[in-house]
């Protein structure tokens, strides 16, 4: 299934619904002025979301430290080992017993949903869905999410965001 176009023609909700209803597997590439998000689907369920521009507080290690689930010196040691071995950070954190599998899974799932919901505020941009026969994902950390649930929560957040903006003056806060 070749699916591509602009978010002005079809919004994120319509695109997600189509992929979900047709139980497709593959990756939806979304782009908007310097931002990119890739959402992975397996049999119509969301199983991943990557944003190459992630930095600082959005990274898994920093999220774990902020949540007091990981000590900063343990993160530094794990990142150093990751540079030398090219292993995935999550695997290192688990091998070294710096975090529990449950806590790591919660933070990974949080990062995934926040990445997805970030695109609900986009007004413009492009999309391209590249179908695949099967999508691999790490079921230790990711629970497949039904598209309908993703859409309902995404719309709720979009509806509530103006109220939050009135109380919180900037993203820095």
Protein backbone atom coordinates (compact mmCIF):
# COMPACT_ATOMS: atom_id res chain seq x y z
CA UNK A 1 0.00 0.00 0.00
CA UNK A 2 1.54 3.26 -1.13
CA UNK A 3 0.28 6.16 0.93
CA UNK A 4 1.80 9.62 0.84
CA UNK A 5 0.79 13.24 0.77
CA UNK A 6 0.49 16.34 2.89
CA UNK A 7 -1.11 16.78 6.29
CA UNK A 8 -3.21 19.59 4.83
CA UNK A 9 -4.92 17.06 2.53
CA UNK A 10 -5.35 14.32 5.13
CA UNK A 11 -4.84 14.89 8.84
CA UNK A 12 -2.95 12.61 11.16
CA UNK A 13 -6.21 11.12 12.47
CA UNK A 14 -7.38 9.98 9.03
CA UNK A 15 -4.00 8.49 8.21
CA UNK A 16 -3.76 6.59 11.51
CA UNK A 17 -7.35 5.34 11.14
CA UNK A 18 -6.69 4.01 7.66
CA UNK A 19 -3.57 2.14 8.72
CA UNK A 20 -5.31 0.78 11.83
CA UNK A 21 -8.56 -0.26 10.14
CA UNK A 22 -6.68 -2.04 7.39
CA UNK A 23 -4.41 -3.79 9.94
CA UNK A 24 -1.30 -2.70 8.06
CA UNK A 25 2.30 -3.19 9.13
CA UNK A 26 5.03 -0.73 8.24
CA UNK A 27 6.38 2.70 9.08
CA UNK A 28 4.63 6.06 8.76
CA UNK A 29 7.21 8.79 8.12
CA UNK A 30 6.01 12.26 9.15
CA UNK A 31 7.92 15.50 8.47
CA UNK A 32 7.24 19.12 9.43
CA UNK A 33 9.74 22.02 9.30
CA UNK A 34 12.80 20.46 10.90
CA UNK A 35 10.83 17.80 12.80
CA UNK A 36 10.55 14.14 11.94
CA UNK A 37 8.61 11.31 13.54
CA UNK A 38 8.48 7.71 12.38
CA UNK A 39 5.58 5.65 13.75
CA UNK A 40 5.80 1.87 13.41
CA UNK A 41 2.76 -0.37 13.04
CA UNK A 42 2.31 -4.11 13.37
CA UNK A 43 -1.03 -5.49 12.20
CA UNK A 44 -2.60 -2.03 12.57
CA UNK A 45 -1.32 -1.44 16.12
CA UNK A 46 1.26 1.18 17.05
CA UNK A 47 4.48 -0.52 18.21
CA UNK A 48 7.06 2.25 17.95
CA UNK A 49 7.72 5.95 17.51
CA UNK A 50 11.07 7.54 16.81
CA UNK A 51 12.05 11.19 16.57
CA UNK A 52 15.64 11.63 15.34
CA UNK A 53 15.75 15.18 16.73
CA UNK A 54 15.22 13.98 20.34
CA UNK A 55 17.67 15.47 22.76
CA UNK A 56 18.28 16.06 26.42
CA UNK A 57 15.25 15.50 28.61
CA UNK A 58 13.44 13.51 25.90
CA UNK A 59 16.02 10.70 25.92
CA UNK A 60 15.37 7.46 27.82
CA UNK A 61 18.35 7.80 30.15
CA UNK A 62 17.49 11.37 31.13
CA UNK A 63 13.86 10.40 31.69
CA UNK A 64 14.96 7.61 34.03
CA UNK A 65 17.19 9.99 35.98
CA UNK A 66 14.44 12.62 36.28
CA UNK A 67 12.03 9.95 37.54
CA UNK A 68 14.60 8.93 40.19
CA UNK A 69 14.75 5.45 38.70
CA UNK A 70 18.42 5.73 37.73
CA UNK A 71 21.40 7.51 39.27
CA UNK A 72 23.21 10.01 37.02
CA UNK A 73 26.58 8.30 37.57
CA UNK A 74 25.04 4.95 36.51
CA UNK A 75 23.67 6.57 33.36
CA UNK A 76 27.08 8.07 32.60
CA UNK A 77 28.74 4.67 33.04
CA UNK A 78 26.12 2.99 30.83
CA UNK A 79 26.49 5.65 28.10
CA UNK A 80 30.27 5.21 28.17
CA UNK A 81 29.87 1.44 27.81
CA UNK A 82 27.36 1.97 25.01
CA UNK A 83 29.88 4.05 23.05
CA UNK A 84 32.47 1.30 23.37
CA UNK A 85 30.22 -1.70 22.67
CA UNK A 86 27.44 -0.20 20.51
CA UNK A 87 24.91 -2.14 22.60
CA UNK A 88 21.46 -0.69 23.16
CA UNK A 89 21.27 1.48 26.26
CA UNK A 90 18.28 -0.40 27.65
CA UNK A 91 20.12 -3.71 27.42
CA UNK A 92 23.12 -2.26 29.25
CA UNK A 93 20.93 -0.79 31.99
CA UNK A 94 19.27 -4.16 32.52
CA UNK A 95 22.49 -6.20 32.38
CA UNK A 96 24.09 -3.93 34.97
CA UNK A 97 20.89 -4.03 37.05
CA UNK A 98 20.75 -0.24 37.11
CA UNK A 99 16.98 -0.37 36.43
CA UNK A 100 14.23 -2.96 36.53
CA UNK A 101 12.62 -4.24 33.35
CA UNK A 102 9.26 -2.87 34.54
CA UNK A 103 10.57 0.66 35.14
CA UNK A 104 12.42 0.71 31.84
CA UNK A 105 9.30 -0.52 30.01
CA UNK A 106 7.20 2.24 31.61
CA UNK A 107 9.64 4.94 30.52
CA UNK A 108 9.98 3.51 27.00
CA UNK A 109 6.18 3.39 26.64
CA UNK A 110 5.93 6.98 27.94
CA UNK A 111 8.49 8.17 25.40
CA UNK A 112 6.59 6.35 22.65
CA UNK A 113 3.21 7.91 23.44
CA UNK A 114 4.64 11.40 23.92
CA UNK A 115 6.35 11.14 20.53
CA UNK A 116 3.11 10.10 18.85
CA UNK A 117 1.02 12.78 20.55
CA UNK A 118 3.49 15.48 19.53
CA UNK A 119 2.34 15.16 15.89
CA UNK A 120 -1.29 15.86 16.78
CA UNK A 121 -0.43 19.57 17.02
CA UNK A 122 1.14 19.69 13.55
CA UNK A 123 -0.84 21.79 11.07
CA UNK A 124 1.32 21.10 8.01
CA UNK A 125 3.91 18.64 6.82
CA UNK A 126 4.17 15.51 4.76
CA UNK A 127 3.60 11.82 5.34
CA UNK A 128 4.63 8.60 3.66
CA UNK A 129 3.64 5.12 4.76
CA UNK A 130 5.96 2.31 3.74
CA UNK A 131 4.28 -1.07 4.16
CA UNK A 132 6.12 -4.13 5.42
CA UNK A 133 5.13 -7.77 5.70
CA UNK A 134 6.05 -7.83 9.37
CA UNK A 135 7.37 -5.27 11.84
CA UNK A 136 9.75 -6.36 14.57
CA UNK A 137 9.53 -4.66 17.96
CA UNK A 138 10.86 -5.36 21.42
CA UNK A 139 7.86 -6.76 23.28
CA UNK A 140 9.84 -6.59 26.54
CA UNK A 141 9.37 -2.82 26.54
CA UNK A 142 6.57 -1.99 24.10
CA UNK A 143 2.91 -2.95 24.34
CA UNK A 144 1.11 -2.67 20.99
CA UNK A 145 -1.43 0.16 21.13
CA UNK A 146 -4.77 0.16 19.36
CA UNK A 147 -5.05 3.10 16.95
CA UNK A 148 -8.52 4.06 18.23
CA UNK A 149 -7.13 4.47 21.76
CA UNK A 150 -4.21 6.51 20.45
CA UNK A 151 -6.61 8.79 18.56
CA UNK A 152 -8.91 9.32 21.53
CA UNK A 153 -6.04 10.26 23.83
CA UNK A 154 -4.43 12.43 21.16
CA UNK A 155 -7.63 14.42 20.65
CA UNK A 156 -8.07 14.77 24.41
CA UNK A 157 -4.60 16.23 24.73
CA UNK A 158 -5.13 18.62 21.81
CA UNK A 159 -8.40 19.80 23.39
CA UNK A 160 -6.80 20.37 26.81
CA UNK A 161 -3.57 21.98 25.57
CA UNK A 162 -5.01 25.55 25.30
CA UNK A 163 -6.04 25.41 28.98
CA UNK A 164 -2.57 24.23 29.97
CA UNK A 165 -0.96 27.02 27.91
CA UNK A 166 -2.95 29.60 29.91
CA UNK A 167 -1.48 28.28 33.18
CA UNK A 168 2.05 27.50 31.98
CA UNK A 169 3.61 30.39 30.05
CA UNK A 170 6.36 28.54 28.19
CA UNK A 171 7.76 25.12 27.31
CA UNK A 172 10.76 25.88 29.52
CA UNK A 173 8.58 25.72 32.64
